[in-house]
Amino acid sequence: MLFSAQHLLTRYRRIIFYVCVASKSSSVCPFAGAIQRQAIWKQSPCSIPLVLNVKPYCKLLMEDSEPTSLKRACPGEELTHTTKRPRVKDDNGAKGEGEECEGSEDELAEEEEEVEGDGETFADMMKHGLTELDVGILKFVSDHKGFSGILKERYSDFVVHEINKEGKTVQLDDLSIPVETEQEVQPEEPPAEADVLTEEQKKQLEELQLFKNKEDNVSIEVADDTKEKRTQVHRAVKNMYPGLETKTEEKDGRKYIVAYHAAGKKALAAPRKHSWPKNRGSFCHFVLYKENKDTMDSINVLSKFLRVRPNVFSYMGTKDKRAITVQEIAVLKITAERILHLNKCLMNFKLGNFAYKKHPLKLGELRGNHFTVVVRNIDGSEEQIKQAMASLRDTGFINYYGMQRFGTTAVPTYQVGKAILQNNWNEVMDLILKPRPGAEKGYLVRCREEWAKSQDPEAALKKLPVKRCVEGQLLRGLSRYGMKNIIHAFGMIPRNNRLMYIHSYQSYVWNTMVSRRVEAFGFKAVEGDLVLNGGTAHVLTAEEAEKHSIRDIVMPLPGFDVIYPTHHVGKGYREMLTADNLDIDNMRHKIRDYSLAGAYRLILIRPQNVSWEVINYDDARVPLVHTDVEKLEGKPAPVYLTEGKYRALRMEFSLPPSTYATMAIREVLKMDTSIKNQTQLNTTWLN
């Protein structure tokens, strides 16, 4: 029985894989689990943890084929799902009389997210992916013995709460509409950049933002013509008037900052056709609770339902996709009532904690994030776990950029970034569009094949059911501007996505150099290291190094506005960039957006508010974290068993911005956190 069952699962895992993808159903997981239960029926108790390994295998296969997060209507029937946490939806699922969810079915229909692999298993396809070694992640801080566990077996095992600039953890705990009284509407302190604009200029910009100005732009003369002054004006306009873009123009020997609409009038006019009370803040701030969606996808969904452009939303940071995350969002002149109504129209989202304020949110102004993470099916002893978590609390971890920074396919994002910095635009186009091995959605596979065959952007574009992906945006650009104008075509990709590529290259260099630094000098400050004094980097002398610890040491991301360590590891930056045909002394690009100023990043991070507990459980399908929505709906918290078939490590900690929780967990487990390695670990038993 044992041989035949394992043989059955091994032989037919391809069928299970395709059933997972094609059916978008959870029924295959019990099917695979039933086969495995037969396979381990007479095995010893020490092999029982392997029971969990089938489900992550199927879940990984199904990760790109989750049911759509958009309802076509607001049905009154409660949805059920046997192997996943119930989808977030309004308690009263039925629509109110006369209410509709904005966003037509044609506009919001999403493509079937299939994966094709020419007969390969998922594990075989993922062998083309990246490992930590590929992106310079090599070292650990502590010497405790690691142990195995399954990270993100369920997306509900990874919960992120934003920490705002006041240091308060953002939570969803109120679905009421804010009551506006004269007492509550208090004037807020204007931002510092407001001082650079005159009252007349502010009035003109507001009219331009609301399409009252027929001139289509506003020109602001910069009397004190310095770069700092122009930068202040650019920032003031963009921060105070979302939806407006700026550029510098010279007229009659004088320089002007010209503000204009990045989007057309038709797209932005709809939400502003109703009057807005003068004593109400122009921005509706709210808490966004989302499941298994990244921040940009979420903004795109909200903008479609509200019929506005995505750039009227602002936020302090982007959050993981495969997680439950809670963060603050602000939107320009959309009422709380309209936003609250989306709770009846969307799945995997919940919106609440509304407040009207006079200013938007700014990227990067958060204090950090608080993480609640469950690592399932652990095999470490109590002593191992205690040592690992105490080390994380007391010593911390190397501040590497995590694997999500570099993509999951056979073409790492840092390679595209390197090609951009080299000004090699044919290589950029080829890296983004060429066929690649590994797991990808079927429509992308067909698009790439068409591109390789015909080099016809319009023909390749027809293979994409939705054009919002990077490939679709680049193909649209090539179709519009032609194959000889790749730079303009690449500009069709949103700016943040374009900059992601070059930031990925910087991160790759930083990871590699930090690993060299740790290899050479360990975890102590040495002569030639860098520390920050009031934001300025300073090179340590031998005497100064004695007074500093590794917690003070920073390493630079390459750029034109940084200095490098003076010891031999610092010289490694020049060697690495020279090998990549880049000039470390000239990091300014012909296109300003791609010029790298550089930055400094701490080598070591010590998390705050660290706590942990070992949980026993019997049912792998049962959530082990009490979410904000469950608390809001009055659902009981998970009950942990004193004894159970399996064990999980539940940990909590807070990290500053731009720090990767997966790197903290890596330090605890001493395991490679790449999808490639996790997939191989979870499928090894099949072979």
Foldseek 3Di string as FASTA:
>chain_A
DLVVLLCVCLVCVLVLLQCLQPVLAPVSQVVNLVSVCVNCVPPDLVCLLLSLLSLLLSCVSCLQQHPDFWDQFQDQDQDDHDQADGWQFDPRSHDDPPDGFFFHCVRPPDDGFGKDAPSDRQLVLLVLWDFCVVLQFDDKFDDFAFWDFAFLSALAQKEKFFQALVRRTFFFFFADFDDDDPVPLDADDDDPLVVLDDPVRVVVLVCQLQVVDPVQKDKAWDPPDDPVSVVSVQVVSCFQRFQKHWDWDADPNTIIIMIGGPDDCVQANVLPPDDDDPSFAQKKKKKKWFAQAKPVVVLVVVCNRVSHDSRQKDFAEIDDRSHTYIGMMIGGRDGSVSVSVCSSTTIRIHMHPIGTHHTGDHHNSTFFMKIKHKTWFIDDDPVLLVVLLVCLQPPNIFQAQDPVLFDTFSQTLLVLLLCVLVVNLVVNLCSVQAAGGHIGGPLSNVLNVCCVVPVQLVVSLVSDPDQLDQSSQLSVLCNVPHPVPSVSSNVSNDLVVVVSSNVSNLSSLQSNLLSVVCVVPNWAFAFQFWFDDVQAIDGDHRVRSVVDTLQRTKAKRQAQQHQGGPDVSSVVSCVVQVVSVHHSNAQQDPDRSRHGHIGIDRRGDRWPPKDKDKFADADPSDNQACGSVCVSVVHDHDDTDPHHSIIMMIMMTIGGPPGDVVRSVCNSNVDTPRPSRSSCVSCVVSD
